[in-house]
Amino acid sequence: MKLPLQIAKRYLFSEKKTNVINILSLLSVIGVLLSTAALVIVLSVFNGFEEQILDAYNPVSPDVRITPKEGKRFIPSQELLQKIKYTEGVELVVPIITERGVLQLEERTAIATFIGLPDEGTAIYNFDTLMVAGSFYTQHDEQEFIVLGYPIAAQLQANLFSLEPIGIYATKRGRRSTTQLSQSFKKELIRPAGIYEGIAKFSSEYVIVSYDFAKELFSMGESVSMLEIKTSANESHTKVRDRLQRLLGDAFVVKGRYQLDDTLFKMLKMEKFFVFATLAIILLIAAFNIVGSLSMIIIDKKEDIAVLKSMGATRTLIKRIFVLESLMISLFGAFIGLLIGLGVSWLQWQYGLVRMQGSYGSIPFPISVQWKDIGLIALVVLVIGFLIAMFTVRSIPKELRIENMH
């Protein structure tokens, strides 16, 4: 391997008989370089958007959620809670109530999903980081309060300093529909404590009340809507989910954080895959410049090849020289492209050179380099370079085939 490598290096960097070969070699390197840099930058931008979305979901998503397979409610026995609590990787188990209801402020109404959150639920949900007005609390001085999502607060025109309480209507369980609202709905009055703004899908639907208030309002008794799990630090959500699913069997549905909105995350992965595949095809097309470059080098070095054969060089050794030369062109272009891609990504991360319009003004494009992407790009370039070399060596016209050169 050492001799073919030395000869390949000499052929690549030595002076050629015609300047066209140098131009083709340069174009080959530039094509691989630009395609590789584009792969690094575009995939890093996708990673940045994915992390931004995950950061938006983290405050409003549990690590693991357990819901009944049938129905909307279930009664968790103490035995069940103990089994879940002592499952490896489980740090905290929190019962949660979620039910639909109607909010009314003067003549304005909004339909929302109420989350009944116990005190320990703040370890699951991190609403404090999302507050845009007021504070996050649901009970104070033995009074009940509600925390509204910003779109719902805007719909109701809710004012934290208003003396007018918000009316809440919930369907009475076991009652047949009737024209008398007082008989069909249970009504409570409550004051807003704060307004939060997270991802639009969540803040436009959910309001937060205390667990005791929701339990009474929706006549839950001992039932809960779901159990939400906080996993131990550095514990995989997926592994904990799998353990709990095996423990609970088919009676419950156990989902990890990324399964709660699996359509979104599958779409992100699919978009990233198609972008990678598209840029890889562009890289392949750009790498075909190597075919012309390598063919010209073989023609240019025809006499040298004949000398090598007369000295006993085998057909395999000579082919290996040009395979290595193709790989060197690919790797040289890829190396420079990786450096450029990483450099541009670092500049964007550090200085936010390219910006986009956000909710509160101009913000930098998010970017995040993942080393597994860098390794995958390098592997793809290596494979393409090898395949191009094999194609070139096999597709040389018969009269110029290296085995016929004497």
Protein backbone atom coordinates (compact mmCIF):
# COMPACT_ATOMS: atom_id res chain seq x y z
CA MET A 1 0.00 0.00 0.00
CA LYS A 2 2.93 2.36 0.67
CA LEU A 3 4.31 2.28 -2.91
CA PRO A 4 0.94 2.90 -4.65
CA LEU A 5 0.23 5.73 -2.20
CA GLN A 6 3.57 7.43 -2.88
CA ILE A 7 3.10 7.15 -6.65
CA ALA A 8 -0.52 8.41 -6.39
CA LYS A 9 0.65 11.46 -4.40
CA ARG A 10 3.34 12.19 -6.98
CA TYR A 11 0.89 11.88 -9.87
CA LEU A 12 -1.60 14.16 -8.14
CA PHE A 13 0.80 17.00 -7.29
CA SER A 14 3.39 16.69 -10.08
CA GLU A 15 3.38 18.90 -13.15
CA LYS A 16 1.18 17.60 -15.98
CA LYS A 17 1.95 17.76 -19.72
CA THR A 18 -1.20 19.76 -20.39
CA ASN A 19 -2.80 22.44 -18.24
CA VAL A 20 -6.29 20.99 -18.83
CA ILE A 21 -5.51 18.15 -16.44
CA ASN A 22 -4.62 20.62 -13.68
CA ILE A 23 -7.86 22.52 -14.30
CA LEU A 24 -9.93 19.30 -14.20
CA SER A 25 -8.23 18.21 -10.97
CA LEU A 26 -8.89 21.63 -9.43
CA LEU A 27 -12.53 21.54 -10.53
CA SER A 28 -12.87 18.06 -9.02
CA VAL A 29 -11.54 19.26 -5.67
CA ILE A 30 -13.73 22.40 -5.74
CA GLY A 31 -16.86 20.37 -6.58
CA VAL A 32 -16.29 17.99 -3.67
CA LEU A 33 -15.28 20.90 -1.43
CA LEU A 34 -18.42 22.98 -2.04
CA SER A 35 -20.78 19.98 -1.78
CA THR A 36 -19.18 18.87 1.49
CA ALA A 37 -19.31 22.38 2.97
CA ALA A 38 -22.98 22.68 1.95
CA LEU A 39 -23.78 19.35 3.62
CA VAL A 40 -22.16 20.45 6.88
CA ILE A 41 -23.88 23.86 6.94
CA VAL A 42 -27.36 22.71 5.89
CA LEU A 43 -27.43 19.70 8.25
CA SER A 44 -26.18 21.92 11.10
CA VAL A 45 -29.01 24.39 10.42
CA PHE A 46 -31.52 21.51 10.51
CA ASN A 47 -29.99 20.37 13.82
CA GLY A 48 -30.35 23.91 15.13
CA PHE A 49 -34.04 24.09 14.23
CA GLU A 50 -34.62 20.64 15.76
CA GLU A 51 -32.96 21.69 19.03
CA GLN A 52 -34.96 24.91 19.04
CA ILE A 53 -38.20 22.96 18.70
CA LEU A 54 -37.12 20.53 21.44
CA ASP A 55 -36.26 23.46 23.72
CA ALA A 56 -39.76 24.83 23.12
CA TYR A 57 -41.35 21.46 23.93
CA ASN A 58 -39.24 20.65 27.01
CA PRO A 59 -41.05 22.97 29.48
CA VAL A 60 -44.46 21.53 28.53
CA SER A 61 -43.61 17.86 27.95
CA PRO A 62 -43.00 15.07 30.48
CA ASP A 63 -40.20 12.58 29.98
CA VAL A 64 -42.73 9.72 29.86
CA ARG A 65 -46.55 9.71 29.86
CA ILE A 66 -48.87 6.82 30.82
CA THR A 67 -52.49 6.85 29.62
CA PRO A 68 -55.19 4.15 29.60
CA LYS A 69 -55.57 2.26 26.33
CA GLU A 70 -59.35 2.54 26.59
CA GLY A 71 -61.29 5.46 28.02
CA LYS A 72 -60.14 8.85 29.26
CA ARG A 73 -59.80 8.07 32.97
CA PHE A 74 -58.51 5.36 35.24
CA ILE A 75 -57.98 4.80 38.94
CA PRO A 76 -54.31 4.09 39.73
CA SER A 77 -54.02 1.66 42.63
CA GLN A 78 -51.32 2.12 45.24
CA GLU A 79 -49.77 -1.15 44.10
CA LEU A 80 -49.53 0.17 40.54
CA LEU A 81 -48.03 3.47 41.69
CA GLN A 82 -45.43 1.65 43.77
CA LYS A 83 -44.44 -0.58 40.86
CA ILE A 84 -43.99 2.45 38.62
CA LYS A 85 -42.14 4.42 41.28
CA TYR A 86 -39.58 1.66 41.84
CA THR A 87 -38.97 1.02 38.15
CA GLU A 88 -35.35 1.67 37.22
CA GLY A 89 -34.87 5.19 35.89
CA VAL A 90 -38.08 6.63 37.38
CA GLU A 91 -37.50 9.61 39.67
CA LEU A 92 -41.04 10.97 40.11
CA VAL A 93 -44.61 9.88 39.31
CA VAL A 94 -47.23 12.66 39.07
CA PRO A 95 -51.00 12.16 38.54
CA ILE A 96 -52.47 14.64 36.06
CA ILE A 97 -56.06 15.61 35.18
CA THR A 98 -56.88 16.89 31.68
CA GLU A 99 -60.45 17.76 30.72
CA ARG A 100 -62.17 20.16 28.33
CA GLY A 101 -64.13 23.13 29.60
CA VAL A 102 -65.36 26.60 28.68
CA LEU A 103 -64.02 29.91 29.97
CA GLN A 104 -66.12 33.06 29.98
CA LEU A 105 -65.17 36.64 30.74
CA GLU A 106 -68.07 39.06 30.31
CA GLU A 107 -69.43 38.20 26.84
CA ARG A 108 -66.25 36.56 25.56
CA THR A 109 -65.76 32.78 25.65
CA ALA A 110 -62.99 30.31 24.87
CA ILE A 111 -62.83 26.52 24.88
CA ALA A 112 -59.73 25.09 26.51
CA THR A 113 -58.20 21.93 27.92
CA PHE A 114 -57.66 22.22 31.67
CA ILE A 115 -54.55 20.68 33.22
CA GLY A 116 -55.03 19.85 36.89
CA LEU A 117 -51.47 20.06 38.19
CA PRO A 118 -50.44 19.00 41.73
CA ASP A 119 -47.64 20.86 43.52
CA GLU A 120 -45.04 18.26 42.54
CA GLY A 121 -46.05 18.73 38.91
CA THR A 122 -43.73 21.74 38.70
CA ALA A 123 -40.90 19.18 38.54
CA ILE A 124 -42.45 17.90 35.28
CA TYR A 125 -43.57 21.17 33.71
CA ASN A 126 -41.32 24.21 33.75
CA PHE A 127 -43.85 26.97 33.15
CA ASP A 128 -41.81 29.54 35.06
CA THR A 129 -39.57 29.96 32.00
CA LEU A 130 -42.61 30.67 29.78
CA MET A 131 -44.37 33.36 31.82
CA VAL A 132 -44.94 36.66 29.99
CA ALA A 133 -47.19 38.26 32.62
CA GLY A 134 -47.88 37.59 36.29
CA SER A 135 -46.53 34.52 38.07
CA PHE A 136 -47.03 30.79 37.90
CA TYR A 137 -49.14 29.58 40.81
CA THR A 138 -52.55 27.93 41.08
CA GLN A 139 -53.22 28.33 44.82
CA HIS A 140 -52.47 31.20 47.16
CA ASP A 141 -53.92 32.05 50.57
CA GLU A 142 -56.47 29.26 50.15
CA GLN A 143 -57.74 30.80 46.91
CA GLU A 144 -57.72 29.13 43.50
CA PHE A 145 -56.06 30.73 40.47
CA ILE A 146 -55.68 29.89 36.79
CA VAL A 147 -52.70 30.34 34.44
CA LEU A 148 -53.74 31.11 30.86
CA GLY A 149 -52.00 30.55 27.56
CA TYR A 150 -51.38 33.83 25.74
CA PRO A 151 -53.77 33.14 22.79
CA ILE A 152 -56.58 32.22 25.20
CA ALA A 153 -55.91 35.29 27.36
CA ALA A 154 -56.01 37.46 24.23
CA GLN A 155 -59.29 35.85 23.13
CA LEU A 156 -60.84 36.57 26.51
CA GLN A 157 -59.09 39.95 26.80
CA ALA A 158 -58.12 38.85 30.30
CA ASN A 159 -56.47 41.42 32.53
CA LEU A 160 -54.49 40.27 35.55
CA PHE A 161 -55.44 43.45 37.39
CA SER A 162 -59.15 43.25 36.66
CA LEU A 163 -61.53 42.57 39.52
CA GLU A 164 -63.79 40.58 37.19
CA PRO A 165 -63.24 36.82 37.71
CA ILE A 166 -63.29 34.29 34.88
CA GLY A 167 -66.24 31.91 34.77
CA ILE A 168 -65.47 28.23 34.10
CA TYR A 169 -68.09 25.79 32.83
CA ALA A 170 -67.66 22.02 32.96
CA THR A 171 -70.16 19.37 31.92
CA LYS A 172 -71.80 17.64 34.84
CA ARG A 173 -71.15 13.90 34.75
CA GLY A 174 -74.15 11.65 34.51
CA ARG A 175 -76.49 14.44 33.38
CA ARG A 176 -78.47 14.19 30.19
CA SER A 177 -78.43 17.26 27.95
CA THR A 178 -81.00 19.87 28.82
CA THR A 179 -81.83 23.42 27.84
CA GLN A 180 -81.11 24.58 31.38
CA LEU A 181 -77.40 25.49 31.55
CA SER A 182 -77.38 25.30 35.32
CA GLN A 183 -78.44 21.65 35.13
CA SER A 184 -75.98 20.65 32.35
CA PHE A 185 -72.90 22.56 33.48
CA LYS A 186 -71.06 23.13 36.70
CA LYS A 187 -69.79 26.70 37.08
CA GLU A 188 -66.87 28.05 39.08
CA LEU A 189 -65.30 31.49 39.30
CA ILE A 190 -61.53 31.92 39.31
CA ARG A 191 -58.98 34.69 38.89
CA PRO A 192 -55.94 34.61 36.57
CA ALA A 193 -52.52 34.49 38.20
CA GLY A 194 -50.41 34.72 35.07
CA ILE A 195 -50.10 34.27 31.33
CA TYR A 196 -47.59 31.98 29.63
CA GLU A 197 -46.49 31.72 26.01
CA GLY A 198 -44.89 28.57 24.66
CA ILE A 199 -45.33 26.69 21.41
CA ALA A 200 -48.57 27.87 19.79
CA LYS A 201 -50.05 24.38 19.67
CA PHE A 202 -49.86 24.15 23.47
CA SER A 203 -50.50 27.70 24.69
CA SER A 204 -53.55 28.09 22.41
CA GLU A 205 -55.21 25.04 23.98
CA TYR A 206 -54.12 24.51 27.59
CA VAL A 207 -54.80 26.39 30.83
CA ILE A 208 -53.43 25.36 34.22
CA VAL A 209 -55.35 24.98 37.49
CA SER A 210 -54.60 23.16 40.72
CA TYR A 211 -55.15 19.42 40.93
CA ASP A 212 -57.74 19.78 43.69
CA PHE A 213 -59.69 22.39 41.74
CA ALA A 214 -59.79 20.20 38.59
CA LYS A 215 -60.69 17.14 40.63
CA GLU A 216 -63.73 18.90 42.07
CA LEU A 217 -64.71 20.75 38.89
CA PHE A 218 -64.71 17.65 36.70
CA SER A 219 -66.00 15.23 39.37
CA MET A 220 -62.94 13.00 39.02
CA GLY A 221 -63.20 11.20 42.34
CA GLU A 222 -60.12 8.97 42.57
CA SER A 223 -59.65 8.89 38.80
CA VAL A 224 -56.83 10.56 36.89
CA SER A 225 -56.35 11.24 33.20
CA MET A 226 -52.70 10.19 33.05
CA LEU A 227 -49.55 9.59 35.01
CA GLU A 228 -46.51 11.61 34.04
CA ILE A 229 -42.96 10.52 34.77
CA LYS A 230 -39.77 12.40 35.43
CA THR A 231 -36.80 10.20 34.66
CA SER A 232 -33.51 10.17 36.54
CA ALA A 233 -30.69 12.37 35.31
CA ASN A 234 -28.81 10.92 32.32
CA GLU A 235 -31.41 8.16 31.98
CA SER A 236 -32.72 7.43 28.50
CA HIS A 237 -36.42 8.29 28.11
CA THR A 238 -36.76 5.48 25.58
CA LYS A 239 -35.36 2.82 27.92
CA VAL A 240 -37.60 3.94 30.80
CA ARG A 241 -40.60 3.94 28.47
CA ASP A 242 -39.83 0.40 27.31
CA ARG A 243 -39.44 -0.83 30.91
CA LEU A 244 -42.76 0.70 31.92
CA GLN A 245 -44.56 -0.69 28.86
CA ARG A 246 -43.35 -4.19 29.72
CA LEU A 247 -44.40 -3.67 33.34
CA LEU A 248 -47.88 -2.32 32.59
CA GLY A 249 -48.75 -4.55 29.65
CA ASP A 250 -51.41 -3.84 27.03
CA ALA A 251 -53.83 -2.05 29.37
CA PHE A 252 -51.82 1.19 29.13
CA VAL A 253 -50.13 3.25 26.44
CA VAL A 254 -46.68 4.49 27.42
CA LYS A 255 -45.07 7.24 25.34
CA GLY A 256 -41.71 8.97 25.61
CA ARG A 257 -41.24 12.69 25.09
CA TYR A 258 -40.55 12.43 21.37
CA GLN A 259 -43.60 10.22 20.80
CA LEU A 260 -46.05 12.74 22.25
CA ASP A 261 -45.90 14.65 18.98
CA ASP A 262 -44.33 11.93 16.86
CA THR A 263 -45.71 13.38 13.60
CA LEU A 264 -43.64 16.53 14.06
CA PHE A 265 -40.43 14.73 14.97
CA LYS A 266 -40.85 12.17 12.18
CA MET A 267 -41.36 15.04 9.75
CA LEU A 268 -38.16 16.73 10.98
CA LYS A 269 -36.16 13.51 10.57
CA MET A 270 -37.64 12.90 7.13
CA GLU A 271 -36.89 16.45 5.97
CA LYS A 272 -33.31 16.12 7.17
CA PHE A 273 -32.94 12.76 5.39
CA PHE A 274 -34.26 14.10 2.07
CA VAL A 275 -32.04 17.19 2.27
CA PHE A 276 -29.04 14.97 3.02
CA ALA A 277 -29.94 12.64 0.14
CA THR A 278 -30.37 15.58 -2.27
CA LEU A 279 -27.03 17.13 -1.33
CA ALA A 280 -25.35 13.70 -1.49
CA ILE A 281 -26.62 13.30 -5.07
CA ILE A 282 -25.23 16.76 -5.89
CA LEU A 283 -21.94 15.63 -4.34
CA LEU A 284 -22.02 12.51 -6.52
CA ILE A 285 -22.60 14.60 -9.64
CA ALA A 286 -19.79 16.98 -8.65
CA ALA A 287 -17.51 14.01 -8.00
CA PHE A 288 -17.94 12.83 -11.58
CA ASN A 289 -15.43 15.54 -12.46
CA ILE A 290 -12.95 13.11 -10.96
CA VAL A 291 -13.73 10.68 -13.83
CA GLY A 292 -12.48 13.17 -16.42
CA SER A 293 -9.53 14.20 -14.28
CA LEU A 294 -8.48 10.61 -13.57
CA SER A 295 -8.89 9.54 -17.19
CA MET A 296 -6.69 12.43 -18.33
CA ILE A 297 -4.05 11.58 -15.73
CA ILE A 298 -4.00 7.95 -16.92
CA ILE A 299 -3.48 9.11 -20.50
CA ASP A 300 -0.85 11.62 -19.36
CA LYS A 301 1.04 8.94 -17.39
CA LYS A 302 0.77 6.24 -20.08
CA GLU A 303 4.56 6.04 -20.49
CA ASP A 304 5.13 5.90 -16.72
CA ILE A 305 2.62 3.07 -16.44
CA ALA A 306 4.45 1.14 -19.19
CA VAL A 307 7.72 1.58 -17.28
CA LEU A 308 6.10 0.32 -14.07
CA LYS A 309 4.77 -2.75 -15.88
CA SER A 310 8.19 -3.47 -17.38
CA MET A 311 9.62 -3.36 -13.81
CA GLY A 312 7.14 -6.02 -12.70
CA ALA A 313 4.24 -3.93 -11.44
CA THR A 314 1.02 -5.96 -11.50
CA ARG A 315 -2.27 -4.81 -12.99
CA THR A 316 -3.75 -4.73 -9.46
CA LEU A 317 -0.97 -2.46 -8.17
CA ILE A 318 -1.40 0.00 -11.05
CA LYS A 319 -5.18 0.08 -10.58
CA ARG A 320 -4.64 0.66 -6.88
CA ILE A 321 -2.55 3.75 -7.69
CA PHE A 322 -5.45 5.41 -9.47
CA VAL A 323 -8.03 4.29 -6.93
CA LEU A 324 -5.88 5.94 -4.24
CA GLU A 325 -5.53 9.05 -6.39
CA SER A 326 -9.31 9.31 -6.69
CA LEU A 327 -9.67 8.87 -2.95
CA MET A 328 -7.02 11.54 -2.36
CA ILE A 329 -8.87 14.03 -4.56
CA SER A 330 -12.13 13.21 -2.74
CA LEU A 331 -10.62 13.35 0.74
CA PHE A 332 -8.64 16.52 0.03
CA GLY A 333 -11.81 18.26 -1.18
CA ALA A 334 -13.82 16.81 1.71
CA PHE A 335 -11.24 17.90 4.29
CA ILE A 336 -11.18 21.50 3.05
CA GLY A 337 -15.00 21.42 2.69
CA LEU A 338 -15.41 20.19 6.26
CA LEU A 339 -13.14 22.96 7.53
CA ILE A 340 -15.09 25.59 5.58
CA GLY A 341 -18.45 24.14 6.70
CA LEU A 342 -17.36 24.01 10.34
CA GLY A 343 -15.88 27.51 10.09
CA VAL A 344 -19.07 29.00 8.64
CA SER A 345 -21.16 27.13 11.25
CA TRP A 346 -18.96 28.48 14.06
CA LEU A 347 -19.22 32.04 12.73
CA GLN A 348 -23.01 31.74 12.55
CA TRP A 349 -23.17 30.27 16.07
CA GLN A 350 -20.82 32.90 17.48
CA TYR A 351 -21.94 36.04 15.67
CA GLY A 352 -25.35 35.24 14.13
CA LEU A 353 -24.37 36.54 10.69
CA VAL A 354 -27.52 35.26 8.95
CA ARG A 355 -30.77 36.26 10.67
CA MET A 356 -34.47 35.59 10.30
CA GLN A 357 -37.64 37.24 11.53
CA GLY A 358 -38.89 35.90 14.87
CA SER A 359 -41.87 36.71 17.10
CA TYR A 360 -39.98 39.51 18.83
CA GLY A 361 -37.77 40.80 16.02
CA SER A 362 -34.75 39.56 14.13
CA ILE A 363 -33.04 36.45 15.50
CA PRO A 364 -30.03 34.47 14.19
CA PHE A 365 -30.58 31.24 12.29
CA PRO A 366 -30.12 28.41 14.82
CA ILE A 367 -27.18 26.12 14.10
CA SER A 368 -25.78 23.06 15.84
CA VAL A 369 -22.94 20.85 14.60
CA GLN A 370 -23.32 17.16 15.42
CA TRP A 371 -20.19 15.08 15.05
CA LYS A 372 -22.13 12.05 13.87
CA ASP A 373 -23.17 14.13 10.85
CA ILE A 374 -19.53 15.03 10.19
CA GLY A 375 -18.54 11.35 10.34
CA LEU A 376 -21.41 10.39 8.03
CA ILE A 377 -20.45 13.08 5.50
CA ALA A 378 -16.82 11.93 5.51
CA LEU A 379 -17.93 8.32 5.01
CA VAL A 380 -20.21 9.27 2.09
CA VAL A 381 -17.40 11.21 0.41
CA LEU A 382 -15.03 8.27 0.89
CA VAL A 383 -17.51 5.79 -0.60
CA ILE A 384 -18.28 8.08 -3.54
CA GLY A 385 -14.58 8.60 -4.20
CA PHE A 386 -13.94 4.84 -4.17
CA LEU A 387 -16.89 4.08 -6.48
CA ILE A 388 -15.83 6.85 -8.88
CA ALA A 389 -12.30 5.43 -8.98
CA MET A 390 -13.52 1.89 -9.70
CA PHE A 391 -15.85 3.22 -12.40
CA THR A 392 -13.04 5.25 -14.00
CA VAL A 393 -10.54 2.40 -14.06
CA ARG A 394 -13.12 0.02 -15.55
CA SER A 395 -14.46 2.49 -18.12
CA ILE A 396 -11.16 3.50 -19.75
CA PRO A 397 -11.22 2.81 -23.53
CA LYS A 398 -9.79 -0.60 -24.42
CA GLU A 399 -6.74 0.77 -26.26
CA LEU A 400 -5.80 2.75 -23.11
CA ARG A 401 -6.53 0.06 -20.52
CA ILE A 402 -3.66 -0.14 -18.11
CA GLU A 403 -3.31 -3.87 -18.62
CA ASN A 404 -2.59 -3.24 -22.34
CA MET A 405 0.11 -0.60 -21.74
CA HIS A 406 3.63 -1.86 -22.39
